[in-house]
Protein backbone atom coordinates (compact mmCIF):
# COMPACT_ATOMS: atom_id res chain seq x y z
CA MET A 1 -4.34 -0.81 -37.40
CA SER A 2 -3.64 0.20 -40.99
CA GLY A 3 -1.38 3.03 -42.07
CA SER A 4 2.31 3.82 -41.64
CA GLY A 5 4.67 6.13 -39.83
CA SER A 6 3.43 5.44 -36.31
CA LEU A 7 4.07 2.63 -33.89
CA ARG A 8 1.66 -0.29 -33.79
CA VAL A 9 0.81 -1.02 -30.17
CA VAL A 10 -1.38 -3.90 -28.99
CA ALA A 11 -2.59 -4.28 -25.43
CA ILE A 12 -3.49 -7.88 -24.57
CA ALA A 13 -5.95 -8.10 -21.68
CA ASP A 14 -8.86 -10.04 -20.23
CA ALA A 15 -10.30 -8.72 -16.94
CA ASP A 16 -12.23 -5.46 -16.70
CA SER A 17 -9.74 -3.49 -14.61
CA PHE A 18 -6.91 -4.34 -17.01
CA VAL A 19 -9.09 -3.38 -19.98
CA LYS A 20 -9.76 0.02 -18.40
CA TRP A 21 -6.13 0.58 -17.46
CA SER A 22 -4.54 -0.48 -20.74
CA ALA A 23 -7.04 1.41 -22.89
CA SER A 24 -6.58 4.54 -20.76
CA LEU A 25 -2.80 4.24 -20.81
CA LEU A 26 -2.56 3.83 -24.59
CA GLY A 27 -5.26 6.41 -25.19
CA SER A 28 -2.98 9.00 -23.56
CA VAL A 29 -0.19 8.52 -26.13
CA PRO A 30 -0.52 10.68 -29.25
CA GLY A 31 0.48 9.47 -32.69
CA ILE A 32 0.31 5.72 -32.15
CA ARG A 33 -1.99 3.06 -33.58
CA PRO A 34 -3.37 1.30 -30.50
CA HIS A 35 -5.49 -1.82 -30.46
CA LEU A 36 -6.89 -3.93 -27.64
CA LEU A 37 -6.89 -7.70 -27.90
CA LEU A 38 -9.25 -9.38 -25.42
CA VAL A 39 -8.39 -13.03 -24.82
CA GLN A 40 -11.13 -15.37 -23.66
CA THR A 41 -10.54 -16.52 -20.07
CA PRO A 42 -12.89 -16.93 -17.10
CA LEU A 43 -12.11 -13.30 -16.21
CA THR A 44 -12.74 -11.71 -19.61
CA ALA A 45 -14.82 -8.54 -19.46
CA SER A 46 -18.36 -8.81 -20.78
CA LEU A 47 -19.48 -6.44 -23.53
CA ASP A 48 -21.16 -4.24 -20.90
CA GLN A 49 -18.00 -4.20 -18.80
CA GLN A 50 -15.99 -3.43 -21.93
CA ARG A 51 -18.18 -0.43 -22.73
CA SER A 52 -17.78 0.92 -19.20
CA ALA A 53 -14.03 0.31 -19.25
CA LEU A 54 -13.52 2.10 -22.57
CA ALA A 55 -15.59 5.15 -21.59
CA GLY A 56 -13.41 8.24 -21.73
CA THR A 57 -10.26 6.41 -22.86
CA GLY A 58 -10.37 7.51 -26.50
CA MET A 59 -10.53 3.91 -27.67
CA LEU A 60 -13.68 2.66 -29.38
CA SER A 61 -15.27 -0.75 -29.79
CA ASP A 62 -13.75 -0.91 -33.29
CA ASP A 63 -10.33 -0.81 -31.63
CA VAL A 64 -11.07 -4.08 -29.81
CA THR A 65 -10.71 -7.66 -31.06
CA ARG A 66 -11.96 -10.58 -28.98
CA LEU A 67 -10.21 -13.90 -29.62
CA SER A 68 -9.71 -17.35 -28.18
CA PHE A 69 -6.23 -18.08 -26.88
CA ALA A 70 -5.63 -20.55 -29.72
CA ARG A 71 -5.92 -17.75 -32.30
CA VAL A 72 -3.74 -15.17 -30.57
CA SER A 73 -0.40 -16.22 -32.08
CA ALA A 74 -1.65 -16.14 -35.68
CA TRP A 75 -3.37 -12.80 -35.10
CA LEU A 76 -0.20 -11.24 -33.72
CA GLU A 77 1.85 -12.67 -36.61
CA GLY A 78 -0.50 -10.94 -39.02
CA GLN A 79 -0.46 -7.61 -37.17
CA ARG A 80 3.29 -7.51 -36.37
CA PRO A 81 3.00 -4.95 -33.55
CA ASP A 82 6.00 -2.90 -32.51
CA VAL A 83 4.92 -3.01 -28.86
CA VAL A 84 2.80 -5.42 -26.85
CA LEU A 85 1.37 -4.30 -23.51
CA LEU A 86 0.59 -7.39 -21.41
CA ALA A 87 -2.32 -6.35 -19.19
CA GLY A 88 -3.56 -9.12 -16.95
CA ARG A 89 -2.92 -10.94 -13.72
CA GLY A 90 0.46 -12.60 -13.31
CA PRO A 91 -0.31 -16.06 -14.72
CA PHE A 92 -2.01 -14.43 -17.74
CA VAL A 93 1.09 -12.31 -18.37
CA ARG A 94 3.31 -15.38 -18.19
CA LEU A 95 1.10 -17.38 -20.58
CA LEU A 96 0.86 -14.60 -23.16
CA GLY A 97 4.56 -13.89 -22.74
CA ARG A 98 5.24 -17.38 -24.05
CA VAL A 99 3.08 -16.61 -27.09
CA VAL A 100 5.10 -13.45 -27.75
CA ASP A 101 8.31 -15.48 -27.43
CA GLY A 102 7.21 -17.59 -30.40
CA LEU A 103 6.55 -14.71 -32.80
CA THR A 104 8.71 -14.35 -35.90
CA VAL A 105 9.31 -10.66 -35.18
CA ARG A 106 9.44 -10.02 -31.47
CA PRO A 107 7.84 -6.76 -30.25
CA VAL A 108 8.93 -4.78 -27.22
CA VAL A 109 7.07 -6.20 -24.21
CA VAL A 110 5.66 -3.83 -21.61
CA ALA A 111 3.75 -4.82 -18.47
CA GLY A 112 2.15 -3.06 -15.53
CA LEU A 113 -0.58 -3.09 -12.91
CA PRO A 114 -3.99 -1.43 -13.25
CA GLY A 115 -4.00 0.70 -10.13
CA MET A 116 -2.18 1.52 -6.93
CA ALA A 117 0.57 -1.06 -6.40
CA VAL A 118 1.63 -0.37 -2.81
CA PRO A 119 2.69 -2.67 -1.31
CA ALA A 120 4.76 -3.97 -4.21
CA GLN A 121 4.14 -7.71 -4.14
CA ARG A 122 6.69 -10.37 -4.92
CA GLY A 123 4.35 -12.25 -7.26
CA ALA A 124 3.59 -9.10 -9.23
CA LEU A 125 7.28 -8.68 -10.05
CA GLU A 126 8.12 -12.36 -10.49
CA TYR A 127 5.41 -12.90 -13.11
CA ARG A 128 6.53 -9.81 -15.06
CA ARG A 129 10.28 -10.37 -14.82
CA ASN A 130 10.58 -11.12 -18.54
CA ALA A 131 9.07 -7.83 -19.67
CA ASP A 132 11.35 -5.26 -21.27
CA LEU A 133 9.73 -2.54 -19.17
CA LEU A 134 7.48 -2.36 -16.11
CA VAL A 135 5.19 0.66 -15.92
CA VAL A 136 4.68 2.12 -12.44
CA HIS A 137 2.57 5.10 -11.47
CA SER A 138 4.25 6.91 -8.60
CA HIS A 139 7.68 7.71 -7.24
CA ARG A 140 6.74 5.64 -4.21
CA GLU A 141 6.05 2.63 -6.43
CA GLU A 142 9.37 3.16 -8.22
CA ARG A 143 11.23 2.90 -4.93
CA ALA A 144 9.13 -0.04 -3.72
CA PHE A 145 9.70 -2.18 -6.82
CA ALA A 146 13.39 -1.28 -6.94
CA GLU A 147 13.86 -2.44 -3.35
CA LEU A 148 11.74 -5.54 -3.93
CA GLY A 149 13.82 -6.40 -7.00
CA ARG A 150 17.03 -6.07 -5.01
CA ARG A 151 15.67 -8.34 -2.29
CA ILE A 152 14.63 -11.15 -4.63
CA GLY A 153 17.22 -10.71 -7.38
CA VAL A 154 14.78 -9.72 -10.11
CA GLN A 155 15.80 -6.72 -12.19
CA VAL A 156 13.10 -5.27 -14.44
CA PRO A 157 13.55 -1.72 -15.74
CA THR A 158 10.74 0.54 -14.55
CA ALA A 159 9.37 3.76 -15.99
CA LEU A 160 6.95 6.28 -14.57
CA ALA A 161 3.53 6.93 -16.06
CA THR A 162 0.72 9.08 -14.80
CA LEU A 163 -1.99 6.76 -13.57
CA PRO A 164 -4.60 7.22 -16.31
CA PHE A 165 -7.33 7.82 -13.76
CA ALA A 166 -5.29 10.60 -12.11
CA ARG A 167 -5.75 12.95 -15.03
CA SER A 168 -8.19 15.77 -14.28
CA ARG A 169 -11.43 16.23 -16.21
CA SER A 170 -12.34 19.25 -18.33
CA ARG A 171 -15.56 19.90 -16.39
CA MET A 172 -13.57 20.88 -13.27
CA VAL A 173 -12.93 24.56 -12.48
CA ALA A 174 -10.24 26.17 -10.32
CA ALA A 175 -11.06 27.52 -6.86
CA ASP A 176 -9.39 27.99 -3.49
CA ARG A 177 -11.82 25.87 -1.48
CA ALA A 178 -13.91 22.82 -2.31
CA ARG A 179 -17.49 23.28 -1.19
CA VAL A 180 -19.99 20.68 -2.28
CA ILE A 181 -23.57 21.67 -1.60
CA ALA A 182 -26.40 19.17 -1.55
CA ALA A 183 -29.07 20.02 -4.08
CA GLU A 184 -32.10 21.86 -2.71
CA SER A 185 -31.75 20.38 0.78
CA GLY A 186 -31.41 23.76 2.44
CA GLY A 187 -30.00 22.21 5.62
CA SER A 188 -26.51 22.03 7.05
CA SER A 189 -26.66 18.24 7.09
CA GLY A 190 -26.72 18.34 3.31
CA THR A 191 -23.47 20.29 2.99
CA LEU A 192 -20.10 18.59 2.65
CA VAL A 193 -17.08 20.88 2.94
CA ALA A 194 -13.54 19.74 2.28
CA GLU A 195 -10.35 21.75 2.43
CA ARG A 196 -8.32 21.53 -0.78
CA PRO A 197 -4.51 21.31 -1.02
CA ALA A 198 -2.60 24.59 -1.14
CA GLU A 199 -1.38 24.00 -4.69
CA PRO A 200 -3.75 24.91 -7.57
CA ARG A 201 -6.35 22.22 -7.91
CA ALA A 202 -9.59 21.65 -9.74
CA VAL A 203 -12.99 21.61 -8.10
CA ARG A 204 -16.17 20.22 -9.52
CA MET A 205 -19.55 21.71 -10.05
CA PRO A 206 -22.13 21.03 -7.28
CA ALA A 207 -23.06 17.38 -6.81
CA THR A 208 -24.69 15.38 -4.03
CA ASP A 209 -24.05 11.62 -4.26
CA ILE A 210 -21.95 9.62 -1.84
CA VAL A 211 -20.27 6.94 -3.94
CA PHE A 212 -18.89 3.74 -2.42
CA ALA A 213 -16.22 2.01 -4.51
CA ALA A 214 -16.63 -1.67 -3.67
CA GLN A 215 -13.66 -4.05 -3.77
CA ALA A 216 -13.58 -7.81 -4.09
CA LEU A 217 -10.46 -8.41 -1.98
CA VAL A 218 -10.77 -6.09 1.00
CA PRO A 219 -11.95 -6.36 3.61
CA THR A 220 -11.97 -10.15 3.45
CA ASP A 221 -13.97 -10.76 6.62
CA ARG A 222 -17.72 -11.13 6.07
CA GLU A 223 -18.58 -9.27 9.27
CA GLU A 224 -16.46 -6.28 8.25
CA ARG A 225 -18.08 -6.18 4.80
CA ALA A 226 -21.48 -6.34 6.52
CA GLU A 227 -20.47 -3.38 8.71
CA ILE A 228 -19.69 -1.37 5.57
CA ALA A 229 -23.08 -2.28 4.10
CA ALA A 230 -24.76 -1.17 7.33
CA THR A 231 -22.80 2.11 7.24
CA LEU A 232 -24.07 2.80 3.73
CA VAL A 233 -27.64 2.23 4.90
CA ARG A 234 -27.13 4.66 7.81
CA ALA A 235 -25.63 7.25 5.45
CA ALA A 236 -28.68 7.00 3.21
CA GLU A 237 -31.05 7.30 6.16
CA ALA A 238 -29.15 10.29 7.56
CA ASP A 239 -30.01 12.45 4.54
CA PRO A 240 -32.78 11.30 2.17
CA ASN A 241 -31.91 14.22 -0.15
CA ARG A 242 -28.64 12.62 -1.25
CA ARG A 243 -28.12 9.33 -3.00
CA VAL A 244 -25.73 6.73 -1.66
CA VAL A 245 -24.40 4.88 -4.69
CA VAL A 246 -22.86 1.42 -4.32
CA LYS A 247 -20.55 1.27 -7.34
CA LEU A 248 -20.02 -2.37 -8.33
CA ARG A 249 -17.62 -3.67 -10.97
CA SER A 250 -19.66 -6.61 -12.18
CA ARG A 251 -23.30 -7.58 -12.60
CA PRO A 252 -24.55 -10.94 -11.35
CA GLY A 253 -23.07 -13.58 -13.64
CA GLU A 254 -20.13 -11.44 -14.75
CA SER A 255 -16.52 -11.93 -13.67
CA GLU A 256 -14.01 -9.36 -12.55
CA THR A 257 -10.28 -9.25 -11.89
CA HIS A 258 -10.49 -10.64 -8.35
CA LEU A 259 -12.80 -13.23 -6.87
CA GLU A 260 -15.41 -11.64 -4.64
CA ARG A 261 -16.79 -13.43 -1.62
CA ASP A 262 -19.67 -11.99 0.38
CA ALA A 263 -20.90 -9.63 -2.31
CA TYR A 264 -22.45 -6.37 -1.14
CA LEU A 265 -25.67 -7.16 -3.00
CA ASP A 266 -26.06 -10.09 -0.59
CA LEU A 267 -25.15 -8.02 2.46
CA LEU A 268 -27.46 -5.07 1.86
CA PRO A 269 -30.97 -5.49 3.32
CA ALA A 270 -33.74 -6.49 0.93
CA ARG A 271 -35.73 -3.45 2.06
CA ARG A 272 -33.40 -0.49 1.98
CA PRO A 273 -33.78 3.28 1.65
CA GLU A 274 -34.89 4.43 -1.78
CA ASN A 275 -31.86 6.71 -2.02
CA LEU A 276 -29.47 3.76 -1.60
CA VAL A 277 -28.84 2.60 -5.16
CA VAL A 278 -26.51 0.27 -7.06
CA SER A 279 -24.54 1.33 -10.14
CA TYR A 280 -22.70 -0.76 -12.75
CA GLY A 281 -21.64 2.19 -14.91
CA SER A 282 -18.15 3.61 -15.21
CA MET A 283 -16.45 5.17 -12.23
CA ALA A 284 -16.11 8.40 -14.20
CA GLN A 285 -19.89 8.47 -14.59
CA ALA A 286 -20.43 7.81 -10.89
CA LEU A 287 -18.00 10.55 -9.88
CA SER A 288 -19.68 13.08 -12.15
CA THR A 289 -22.48 13.43 -9.56
CA ALA A 290 -20.43 12.62 -6.45
CA ALA A 291 -20.10 14.86 -3.43
CA GLY A 292 -17.75 12.35 -1.84
CA LEU A 293 -16.20 8.94 -2.40
CA VAL A 294 -15.70 6.25 0.21
CA THR A 295 -13.57 3.15 -0.20
CA VAL A 296 -11.17 0.94 1.68
CA SER A 297 -8.29 1.08 -0.80
CA SER A 298 -9.66 1.31 -4.34
CA THR A 299 -7.78 3.22 -7.03
CA ALA A 300 -11.09 5.05 -7.44
CA ALA A 301 -9.77 7.27 -4.63
CA VAL A 302 -7.09 8.57 -6.98
CA GLU A 303 -9.66 9.07 -9.72
CA ALA A 304 -11.83 11.02 -7.29
CA VAL A 305 -8.94 13.22 -6.15
CA ALA A 306 -8.20 14.02 -9.80
CA GLN A 307 -11.76 15.25 -10.22
CA GLY A 308 -11.77 17.29 -7.04
CA VAL A 309 -14.09 14.85 -5.28
CA PRO A 310 -13.31 14.59 -1.55
CA VAL A 311 -12.59 11.12 -0.20
CA ILE A 312 -12.72 8.95 2.89
CA ALA A 313 -10.42 5.93 2.87
CA LEU A 314 -11.91 3.74 5.59
CA ASP A 315 -9.59 2.91 8.47
CA SER A 316 -12.30 1.38 10.66
CA PHE A 317 -10.68 -2.06 10.31
CA GLY A 318 -7.14 -0.81 10.68
CA VAL A 319 -4.38 0.29 8.35
CA SER A 320 -2.25 -2.56 7.09
CA LYS A 321 -0.72 -4.08 3.98
CA SER A 322 -3.33 -6.82 4.04
CA LEU A 323 -6.01 -4.13 3.67
CA LEU A 324 -3.97 -2.53 0.86
CA ASN A 325 -4.47 0.88 2.49
CA THR A 326 -0.99 1.77 3.81
CA VAL A 327 -0.62 3.94 0.71
CA PHE A 328 -3.00 6.43 2.38
CA VAL A 329 -0.86 6.98 5.47
CA GLY A 330 -0.04 10.69 5.55
CA SER A 331 -2.64 11.54 2.93
CA GLY A 332 -5.21 12.99 5.29
CA LEU A 333 -7.87 10.79 3.62
CA LEU A 334 -8.17 8.08 6.29
CA GLY A 335 -11.41 8.19 8.26
CA GLY A 336 -14.01 6.05 9.99
CA ARG A 337 -17.57 4.94 9.34
CA SER A 338 -19.12 7.70 11.46
CA GLU A 339 -17.44 10.28 9.24
CA VAL A 340 -19.01 8.68 6.19
CA VAL A 341 -22.47 9.01 7.73
CA ALA A 342 -21.76 12.62 8.70
CA GLY A 343 -20.37 13.44 5.27
CA ARG A 344 -16.98 14.62 6.51
CA PHE A 345 -14.99 13.99 3.36
CA ARG A 346 -11.62 15.60 2.65
CA HIS A 347 -8.92 16.30 0.07
CA PRO A 348 -5.37 14.94 0.43
CA HIS A 349 -2.40 16.83 1.85
CA PRO A 350 -0.32 18.37 -0.95
CA VAL A 351 2.94 16.83 0.30
CA TRP A 352 1.43 13.36 -0.17
CA LEU A 353 0.25 14.08 -3.70
CA ARG A 354 3.58 14.39 -5.52
CA ASP A 355 4.95 11.11 -4.20
CA ASN A 356 1.66 9.30 -4.69
CA TYR A 357 0.27 9.46 -8.25
CA PHE A 358 0.14 13.23 -8.74
CA HIS A 359 3.69 13.99 -9.87
CA PRO A 360 4.18 16.57 -12.66
CA SER A 361 3.33 15.19 -16.09
CA ALA A 362 6.87 15.96 -17.31
CA GLU A 363 8.12 13.20 -15.00
CA SER A 364 5.99 10.57 -16.74
CA THR A 365 8.52 9.36 -19.29
CA TRP A 366 7.37 5.77 -19.82
CA TRP A 367 6.56 6.27 -23.49
CA GLU A 368 9.97 7.80 -24.20
CA HIS A 369 11.47 4.65 -22.67
CA VAL A 370 9.27 2.50 -24.92
CA GLU A 371 10.37 4.40 -28.03
CA GLN A 372 14.02 3.91 -27.06
CA LEU A 373 13.44 0.18 -26.58
CA VAL A 374 11.77 -0.08 -30.00
CA ALA A 375 14.77 1.64 -31.60
CA LEU A 376 17.13 -0.72 -29.77
CA ARG A 377 15.19 -3.79 -30.86
CA ARG A 378 15.13 -2.67 -34.49
CA ALA A 379 18.89 -2.16 -34.32
CA GLY A 380 19.38 -5.62 -32.82
CA GLY A 381 20.58 -4.23 -29.51
CA LEU A 382 17.80 -5.48 -27.22
CA PRO A 383 18.10 -9.17 -26.33
CA ALA A 384 14.82 -11.04 -25.90
CA LYS A 385 13.90 -11.77 -22.28
CA ARG A 386 12.12 -15.07 -22.79
CA VAL A 387 9.78 -16.71 -20.34
CA PRO A 388 11.54 -19.88 -19.17
CA ALA A 389 9.96 -23.25 -19.71
CA ALA A 390 8.07 -24.64 -16.73
CA ARG A 391 10.31 -26.78 -14.53
CA GLY A 392 7.83 -29.62 -14.59
CA GLY A 393 7.89 -30.04 -18.36
CA ALA A 394 4.91 -30.35 -20.69
CA MET A 395 2.41 -31.28 -17.97
CA HIS A 396 3.42 -28.27 -15.91
CA GLU A 397 3.00 -26.07 -18.99
CA ALA A 398 -0.45 -27.53 -19.48
CA TRP A 399 -1.30 -26.73 -15.87
CA HIS A 400 -0.23 -23.10 -16.35
CA ARG A 401 -2.34 -22.77 -19.48
CA ALA A 402 -5.42 -24.46 -18.02
CA SER A 403 -5.17 -22.40 -14.83
CA VAL A 404 -5.49 -19.20 -16.86
CA LEU A 405 -7.94 -20.34 -19.52
CA GLY A 406 -10.23 -22.52 -17.40
CA ALA A 407 -13.05 -23.99 -19.52
CA ASN A 408 -11.61 -22.17 -22.54
CA ASP A 409 -8.76 -24.67 -22.56
CA ARG A 410 -10.24 -27.76 -24.15
CA THR A 411 -7.08 -29.83 -24.43
CA LEU A 412 -6.94 -33.27 -22.85
CA ARG A 413 -3.58 -32.51 -21.31
CA GLY A 414 -4.99 -29.34 -19.71
CA THR A 415 -7.92 -31.28 -18.25
CA ALA A 416 -5.59 -33.91 -16.84
CA ALA A 417 -3.29 -31.25 -15.40
CA LEU A 418 -6.20 -29.61 -13.58
CA VAL A 419 -7.35 -32.93 -12.11
CA VAL A 420 -3.92 -33.44 -10.58
CA GLY A 421 -2.93 -29.83 -10.03
CA VAL A 422 -5.96 -28.29 -8.32
CA PRO A 423 -5.74 -30.28 -5.08
CA ALA A 424 -1.95 -30.17 -5.13
CA THR A 425 -1.76 -26.39 -5.47
CA ALA A 426 -4.50 -25.94 -2.86
CA LEU A 427 -2.41 -27.93 -0.39
CA LEU A 428 0.78 -26.07 -1.33
CA GLY A 429 -0.97 -22.72 -0.96
CA ALA A 430 -2.28 -23.64 2.48
CA LEU A 431 1.22 -24.65 3.59
CA ARG A 432 2.70 -21.40 2.32
CA ARG A 433 0.03 -19.32 4.02
CA GLY A 434 0.61 -21.23 7.22
CA ARG A 435 4.32 -20.39 7.11
CA SER A 436 3.60 -16.70 6.46
CA SER A 437 0.53 -15.86 8.52
CA ALA A 438 -0.96 -12.38 8.69
CA GLY A 439 0.91 -11.77 11.94
CA SER A 440 4.39 -12.39 10.56
CA GLY A 441 6.67 -11.58 7.67
CA THR A 442 6.72 -8.51 5.47
CA TRP A 443 2.92 -8.37 5.13
CA ALA A 444 2.89 -7.30 8.78
CA ASP A 445 5.86 -4.95 8.48
CA ALA A 446 4.42 -1.46 8.24
CA SER A 447 7.86 0.10 7.74
CA THR A 448 8.25 -1.05 4.12
CA ASP A 449 6.27 -0.74 0.89
CA PHE A 450 6.91 -4.28 -0.38
CA THR A 451 6.17 -7.88 0.57
CA LEU A 452 8.18 -11.06 0.14
CA GLU A 453 5.64 -13.72 1.11
CA PRO A 454 2.63 -14.93 -0.95
CA ASN A 455 -0.36 -12.64 -0.58
CA PRO A 456 -2.98 -13.59 2.03
CA PHE A 457 -5.94 -13.50 -0.33
CA HIS A 458 -7.72 -16.67 -1.45
CA ASP A 459 -8.01 -15.35 -4.98
CA SER A 460 -7.77 -18.08 -7.58
CA ILE A 461 -8.11 -17.02 -11.23
CA ARG A 462 -10.27 -20.10 -11.79
CA ARG A 463 -13.98 -19.43 -11.53
C-alpha cells in the first residue's frame, strides 16, 4: 500500500463469499491501492478458500493481510486508509464499525452484500445503517432498500455497482444463438440448446458439464436437499458422457458464510456414478467447462449468465422469499428437476436483465460516489455516522464481540457474556420466529421485495 496520488482502500472481511465479493469489487476500480484485511473469526476463509476467492479478481496473496481482531485498530492506524469497505455479515460489520469509529483519522465507510440481495432484509440494513454508503447491484435492489429504509426509518445512501460476477469473460464470443454441444457424444441427449436474449450477448465455446451451485441456507428441509442430490444422480446416469459437478464452497473442516445443515456430501450415495464429481475450486473455473448451471438461488446464476452459460433456477419447492428465489420471477430461468435431468437449460429474458444485475456499466456510479464522499470528509463536510454503544452497556458490548469472534475472543468478559447470552438469545430468537412464522408477515408477501421480520434461517455466526 505504498506510493502516493491514489486512494488507499482497505476491505475488511472474514468469510469466503465476502472475500470474493470485496476483492472483485475493488479489483474493478482502476488507479486505487486496494488491500484486503482478513480478520480471524470462526467464519474466516482458509488459505485454499482465499485462493479460490481471489481467482480472477486482480488481487494477489500479497494484497492480503490476516490479523487477529485485537491488532486491527493498530494496523488501520498505521495504514490510514481513505476508504474502508466493511465486507462481512451484519454483526461483523457492526463490530468493525466500532473499530473504525476509534481511529484518529476516520475513513469513508462503505458496506454491501456479496450477491443478490432480493428480498432486502431488515437486518441487512439495520446492521449497516452507520455506513456512509451502501453498495447495491441492481435497480431492483435500489428500490427495495429505499422502500425498506422508509418503512423502518433507516436512511443509508445507496449507489449502484455492477455485481462483480456479472462481468463477462474474454473467452466468450458473440453469436445469435447459444448451442452447447456435448463432447463426442454424437447423440441428441448430449445436446443442450438455449435461446439467448435478443440483445447482443456473449456465448461460450463448447462445454459439457452440468454444474450445481450448492447453498447452505436453501432449501432448509433435509428431504428437499436429498431430492436435489437424487436429481443430480439421475442427471449423471442420464448421460455418462457429461460430468455433473457438485460445486461446494467449503471442504470438510472449513467454514463458510452461512451454516450448512445436511451437507450434500452426506446426502449423495456412497456409490455414485463416476461422472458425478465434487469441486472445491472457484465458480469461474467450474463455469469454464459448464454446459449449464443449476441452483436454487445462488448468485452463481448471475455469474453463469454473464458467461453465456444457460441456467435452471429450481422451482421444484416453490418460489418464495424464504427460498430467496423470487428474484428469478419473470427471468425465464425457473425450472424443475426433470428439466435438469433432460438438460433443458435456458438464458434469461432480456427485459429482466436490465433491472436485475445487467444494467449498462455507465449506470454503475458507486465509485464516483465514494470519491465525492472522500472529498467531503477531507473538507470536513461529512459528519461521522458512529455505531451507537450497546444498550446493555459493557457486558452487552462483550456479547457482541464474542458472538462474532467466537473462540478468537479470549477475554473473560466475553466468555461470561456467552455463558449468559447464548441461551437468552436462543430463547429470544425462538419467540421472534414464533411471532413471524413462515406463513405470515412480509416473508410471505410475494408482492414486495423486502422483509420486516427476522429471517427464518437458523444461521448463527457461532460455529
